[in-house]
Amino acid sequence: MAHKFEIWKDKKGEFRVRFKYNSEIIFATDGYTSKASAKNAISSIQKNGPNAEIEDNS
């Protein structure tokens, strides 16, 4: 699969989410205190992302 979400634990013990396309990191989140919260972030992105507004600040 060319794209995927990854959950990992950082040095502070917080769970983080990153989205990768091929091997390139497209975005990463701030830390969450629980893995469940990180999974909720993924669910929210999957649910709300397709309808997200695009804001061009260029």
PDB file of N, CA and C in Angstrom:
ATOM      1  N   MET A   1       0.846  -1.180   0.000  1.00  0.00           N
ATOM      2  CA  MET A   1       0.000   0.000   0.000  1.00  0.00           C
ATOM      3  C   MET A   1       0.886   1.237   0.000  1.00  0.00           C
ATOM      4  N   ALA A   2       0.539   2.188  -0.828  1.00  0.00           N
ATOM      5  CA  ALA A   2       1.356   3.387  -0.984  1.00  0.00           C
ATOM      6  C   ALA A   2       1.165   4.389   0.146  1.00  0.00           C
ATOM      7  N   HIS A   3       0.050   4.293   0.879  1.00  0.00           N
ATOM      8  CA  HIS A   3      -0.187   5.263   1.942  1.00  0.00           C
ATOM      9  C   HIS A   3      -0.673   4.539   3.192  1.00  0.00           C
ATOM     10  N   LYS A   4      -0.337   5.137   4.348  1.00  0.00           N
ATOM     11  CA  LYS A   4      -0.740   4.513   5.607  1.00  0.00           C
ATOM     12  C   LYS A   4      -0.609   5.494   6.760  1.00  0.00           C
ATOM     13  N   PHE A   5      -1.369   5.216   7.817  1.00  0.00           N
ATOM     14  CA  PHE A   5      -1.226   5.907   9.084  1.00  0.00           C
ATOM     15  C   PHE A   5      -0.312   5.072   9.963  1.00  0.00           C
ATOM     16  N   GLU A   6       0.531   5.718  10.735  1.00  0.00           N
ATOM     17  CA  GLU A   6       1.384   5.030  11.713  1.00  0.00           C
ATOM     18  C   GLU A   6       1.165   5.661  13.086  1.00  0.00           C
ATOM     19  N   ILE A   7       1.106   4.821  14.096  1.00  0.00           N
ATOM     20  CA  ILE A   7       1.070   5.286  15.481  1.00  0.00           C
ATOM     21  C   ILE A   7       2.393   4.875  16.103  1.00  0.00           C
ATOM     22  N   TRP A   8       3.035   5.807  16.807  1.00  0.00           N
ATOM     23  CA  TRP A   8       4.272   5.471  17.507  1.00  0.00           C
ATOM     24  C   TRP A   8       4.327   6.220  18.820  1.00  0.00           C
ATOM     25  N   LYS A   9       5.200   5.781  19.693  1.00  0.00           N
ATOM     26  CA  LYS A   9       5.377   6.400  21.002  1.00  0.00           C
ATOM     27  C   LYS A   9       6.682   7.194  20.977  1.00  0.00           C
ATOM     28  N   ASP A  10       6.590   8.471  21.342  1.00  0.00           N
ATOM     29  CA  ASP A  10       7.775   9.321  21.305  1.00  0.00           C
ATOM     30  C   ASP A  10       8.593   9.197  22.595  1.00  0.00           C
ATOM     31  N   LYS A  11       9.661   9.962  22.686  1.00  0.00           N
ATOM     32  CA  LYS A  11      10.565   9.890  23.839  1.00  0.00           C
ATOM     33  C   LYS A  11       9.894  10.311  25.142  1.00  0.00           C
ATOM     34  N   LYS A  12       8.842  11.132  25.066  1.00  0.00           N
ATOM     35  CA  LYS A  12       8.118  11.567  26.261  1.00  0.00           C
ATOM     36  C   LYS A  12       7.029  10.574  26.664  1.00  0.00           C
ATOM     37  N   GLY A  13       6.888   9.495  25.884  1.00  0.00           N
ATOM     38  CA  GLY A  13       5.881   8.487  26.183  1.00  0.00           C
ATOM     39  C   GLY A  13       4.509   8.814  25.619  1.00  0.00           C
ATOM     40  N   GLU A  14       4.429   9.814  24.749  1.00  0.00           N
ATOM     41  CA  GLU A  14       3.164  10.182  24.135  1.00  0.00           C
ATOM     42  C   GLU A  14       2.997   9.447  22.805  1.00  0.00           C
ATOM     43  N   PHE A  15       1.744   9.176  22.464  1.00  0.00           N
ATOM     44  CA  PHE A  15       1.435   8.520  21.200  1.00  0.00           C
ATOM     45  C   PHE A  15       1.241   9.580  20.133  1.00  0.00           C
ATOM     46  N   ARG A  16       1.824   9.345  18.991  1.00  0.00           N
ATOM     47  CA  ARG A  16       1.720  10.270  17.867  1.00  0.00           C
ATOM     48  C   ARG A  16       1.265   9.515  16.630  1.00  0.00           C
ATOM     49  N   VAL A  17       0.667  10.256  15.708  1.00  0.00           N
ATOM     50  CA  VAL A  17       0.186   9.691  14.448  1.00  0.00           C
ATOM     51  C   VAL A  17       0.894  10.413  13.316  1.00  0.00           C
ATOM     52  N   ARG A  18       1.306   9.659  12.336  1.00  0.00           N
ATOM     53  CA  ARG A  18       1.820  10.280  11.111  1.00  0.00           C
ATOM     54  C   ARG A  18       1.185   9.571   9.924  1.00  0.00           C
ATOM     55  N   PHE A  19       1.032  10.319   8.857  1.00  0.00           N
ATOM     56  CA  PHE A  19       0.495   9.778   7.620  1.00  0.00           C
ATOM     57  C   PHE A  19       1.626   9.770   6.604  1.00  0.00           C
ATOM     58  N   LYS A  20       1.832   8.617   5.987  1.00  0.00           N
ATOM     59  CA  LYS A  20       2.915   8.481   5.021  1.00  0.00           C
ATOM     60  C   LYS A  20       2.359   8.092   3.660  1.00  0.00           C
ATOM     61  N   TYR A  21       2.912   8.672   2.641  1.00  0.00           N
ATOM     62  CA  TYR A  21       2.628   8.289   1.265  1.00  0.00           C
ATOM     63  C   TYR A  21       3.936   7.800   0.685  1.00  0.00           C
ATOM     64  N   ASN A  22       3.945   6.552   0.229  1.00  0.00           N
ATOM     65  CA  ASN A  22       5.183   5.851  -0.082  1.00  0.00           C
ATOM     66  C   ASN A  22       6.013   5.901   1.195  1.00  0.00           C
ATOM     67  N   SER A  23       7.200   6.411   1.178  1.00  0.00           N
ATOM     68  CA  SER A  23       7.971   6.483   2.422  1.00  0.00           C
ATOM     69  C   SER A  23       8.075   7.916   2.949  1.00  0.00           C
ATOM     70  N   GLU A  24       7.360   8.842   2.322  1.00  0.00           N
ATOM     71  CA  GLU A  24       7.420  10.248   2.710  1.00  0.00           C
ATOM     72  C   GLU A  24       6.344  10.588   3.749  1.00  0.00           C
ATOM     73  N   ILE A  25       6.751  11.247   4.833  1.00  0.00           N
ATOM     74  CA  ILE A  25       5.803  11.686   5.845  1.00  0.00           C
ATOM     75  C   ILE A  25       5.086  12.928   5.321  1.00  0.00           C
ATOM     76  N   ILE A  26       3.764  12.832   5.222  1.00  0.00           N
ATOM     77  CA  ILE A  26       2.954  13.944   4.733  1.00  0.00           C
ATOM     78  C   ILE A  26       2.582  14.864   5.879  1.00  0.00           C
ATOM     79  N   PHE A  27       2.173  14.276   7.034  1.00  0.00           N
ATOM     80  CA  PHE A  27       1.908  15.074   8.223  1.00  0.00           C
ATOM     81  C   PHE A  27       2.045  14.215   9.458  1.00  0.00           C
ATOM     82  N   ALA A  28       2.214  14.869  10.588  1.00  0.00           N
ATOM     83  CA  ALA A  28       2.287  14.193  11.893  1.00  0.00           C
ATOM     84  C   ALA A  28       1.518  15.038  12.904  1.00  0.00           C
ATOM     85  N   THR A  29       0.969  14.361  13.903  1.00  0.00           N
ATOM     86  CA  THR A  29       0.180  15.050  14.931  1.00  0.00           C
ATOM     87  C   THR A  29       1.029  15.406  16.137  1.00  0.00           C
ATOM     88  N   ASP A  30       0.437  16.185  17.017  1.00  0.00           N
ATOM     89  CA  ASP A  30       1.001  16.398  18.342  1.00  0.00           C
ATOM     90  C   ASP A  30       0.817  15.106  19.129  1.00  0.00           C
ATOM     91  N   GLY A  31       1.365  15.058  20.338  1.00  0.00           N
ATOM     92  CA  GLY A  31       1.284  13.860  21.155  1.00  0.00           C
ATOM     93  C   GLY A  31      -0.061  13.690  21.848  1.00  0.00           C
ATOM     94  N   TYR A  32      -0.451  12.444  22.042  1.00  0.00           N
ATOM     95  CA  TYR A  32      -1.652  12.069  22.782  1.00  0.00           C
ATOM     96  C   TYR A  32      -1.222  11.223  23.978  1.00  0.00           C
ATOM     97  N   THR A  33      -1.946  11.346  25.077  1.00  0.00           N
ATOM     98  CA  THR A  33      -1.581  10.589  26.278  1.00  0.00           C
ATOM     99  C   THR A  33      -1.996   9.129  26.199  1.00  0.00           C
ATOM    100  N   SER A  34      -2.928   8.799  25.305  1.00  0.00           N
ATOM    101  CA  SER A  34      -3.353   7.402  25.179  1.00  0.00           C
ATOM    102  C   SER A  34      -3.378   6.987  23.713  1.00  0.00           C
ATOM    103  N   LYS A  35      -3.205   5.697  23.493  1.00  0.00           N
ATOM    104  CA  LYS A  35      -3.270   5.158  22.137  1.00  0.00           C
ATOM    105  C   LYS A  35      -4.685   5.308  21.583  1.00  0.00           C
ATOM    106  N   ALA A  36      -5.693   5.184  22.456  1.00  0.00           N
ATOM    107  CA  ALA A  36      -7.079   5.338  22.020  1.00  0.00           C
ATOM    108  C   ALA A  36      -7.311   6.726  21.431  1.00  0.00           C
ATOM    109  N   SER A  37      -6.724   7.745  22.028  1.00  0.00           N
ATOM    110  CA  SER A  37      -6.862   9.112  21.505  1.00  0.00           C
ATOM    111  C   SER A  37      -6.195   9.240  20.140  1.00  0.00           C
ATOM    112  N   ALA A  38      -5.060   8.601  19.958  1.00  0.00           N
ATOM    113  CA  ALA A  38      -4.387   8.620  18.659  1.00  0.00           C
ATOM    114  C   ALA A  38      -5.247   7.931  17.609  1.00  0.00           C
ATOM    115  N   LYS A  39      -5.870   6.819  17.981  1.00  0.00           N
ATOM    116  CA  LYS A  39      -6.753   6.111  17.043  1.00  0.00           C
ATOM    117  C   LYS A  39      -7.991   6.948  16.722  1.00  0.00           C
ATOM    118  N   ASN A  40      -8.488   7.697  17.712  1.00  0.00           N
ATOM    119  CA  ASN A  40      -9.624   8.588  17.463  1.00  0.00           C
ATOM    120  C   ASN A  40      -9.251   9.690  16.479  1.00  0.00           C
ATOM    121  N   ALA A  41      -8.019  10.173  16.570  1.00  0.00           N
ATOM    122  CA  ALA A  41      -7.557  11.192  15.625  1.00  0.00           C
ATOM    123  C   ALA A  41      -7.565  10.645  14.201  1.00  0.00           C
ATOM    124  N   ILE A  42      -7.103   9.413  14.047  1.00  0.00           N
ATOM    125  CA  ILE A  42      -7.111   8.782  12.721  1.00  0.00           C
ATOM    126  C   ILE A  42      -8.542   8.659  12.211  1.00  0.00           C
ATOM    127  N   SER A  43      -9.436   8.191  13.069  1.00  0.00           N
ATOM    128  CA  SER A  43     -10.840   8.040  12.673  1.00  0.00           C
ATOM    129  C   SER A  43     -11.443   9.371  12.249  1.00  0.00           C
ATOM    130  N   SER A  44     -11.130  10.428  12.985  1.00  0.00           N
ATOM    131  CA  SER A  44     -11.650  11.754  12.661  1.00  0.00           C
ATOM    132  C   SER A  44     -11.122  12.234  11.311  1.00  0.00           C
ATOM    133  N   ILE A  45      -9.862  12.011  11.054  1.00  0.00           N
ATOM    134  CA  ILE A  45      -9.273  12.415   9.768  1.00  0.00           C
ATOM    135  C   ILE A  45      -9.927  11.641   8.627  1.00  0.00           C
ATOM    136  N   GLN A  46     -10.099  10.337   8.817  1.00  0.00           N
ATOM    137  CA  GLN A  46     -10.719   9.515   7.779  1.00  0.00           C
ATOM    138  C   GLN A  46     -12.163   9.930   7.522  1.00  0.00           C
ATOM    139  N   LYS A  47     -12.886  10.266   8.577  1.00  0.00           N
ATOM    140  CA  LYS A  47     -14.300  10.632   8.457  1.00  0.00           C
ATOM    141  C   LYS A  47     -14.477  12.036   7.886  1.00  0.00           C
ATOM    142  N   ASN A  48     -13.726  12.989   8.416  1.00  0.00           N
ATOM    143  CA  ASN A  48     -13.927  14.389   8.067  1.00  0.00           C
ATOM    144  C   ASN A  48     -13.019  14.901   6.961  1.00  0.00           C
ATOM    145  N   GLY A  49     -11.922  14.223   6.711  1.00  0.00           N
ATOM    146  CA  GLY A  49     -10.941  14.688   5.737  1.00  0.00           C
ATOM    147  C   GLY A  49     -11.457  14.871   4.326  1.00  0.00           C
ATOM    148  N   PRO A  50     -12.244  13.911   3.810  1.00  0.00           N
ATOM    149  CA  PRO A  50     -12.704  14.069   2.420  1.00  0.00           C
ATOM    150  C   PRO A  50     -13.546  15.318   2.187  1.00  0.00           C
ATOM    151  N   ASN A  51     -14.174  15.827   3.228  1.00  0.00           N
ATOM    152  CA  ASN A  51     -15.021  17.013   3.087  1.00  0.00           C
ATOM    153  C   ASN A  51     -14.351  18.288   3.594  1.00  0.00           C
ATOM    154  N   ALA A  52     -13.086  18.192   3.927  1.00  0.00           N
ATOM    155  CA  ALA A  52     -12.388  19.345   4.489  1.00  0.00           C
ATOM    156  C   ALA A  52     -12.221  20.446   3.443  1.00  0.00           C
ATOM    157  N   GLU A  53     -12.383  21.651   3.910  1.00  0.00           N
ATOM    158  CA  GLU A  53     -12.206  22.830   3.073  1.00  0.00           C
ATOM    159  C   GLU A  53     -10.714  23.003   2.770  1.00  0.00           C
ATOM    160  N   ILE A  54     -10.410  23.537   1.620  1.00  0.00           N
ATOM    161  CA  ILE A  54      -9.033  23.858   1.255  1.00  0.00           C
ATOM    162  C   ILE A  54      -8.865  25.362   1.381  1.00  0.00           C
ATOM    163  N   GLU A  55      -7.898  25.772   2.191  1.00  0.00           N
ATOM    164  CA  GLU A  55      -7.609  27.192   2.378  1.00  0.00           C
ATOM    165  C   GLU A  55      -6.255  27.490   1.753  1.00  0.00           C
ATOM    166  N   ASP A  56      -6.249  28.304   0.714  1.00  0.00           N
ATOM    167  CA  ASP A  56      -5.021  28.653   0.009  1.00  0.00           C
ATOM    168  C   ASP A  56      -4.543  30.009   0.499  1.00  0.00           C
ATOM    169  N   ASN A  57      -3.456  30.022   1.242  1.00  0.00           N
ATOM    170  CA  ASN A  57      -2.908  31.257   1.792  1.00  0.00           C
ATOM    171  C   ASN A  57      -1.691  31.755   1.019  1.00  0.00           C
ATOM    172  N   SER A  58      -1.587  31.340  -0.230  1.00  0.00           N
ATOM    173  CA  SER A  58      -0.402  31.746  -1.004  1.00  0.00           C
ATOM    174  C   SER A  58      -0.552  33.139  -1.556  1.00  0.00           C
TER     175      SER A  58
END
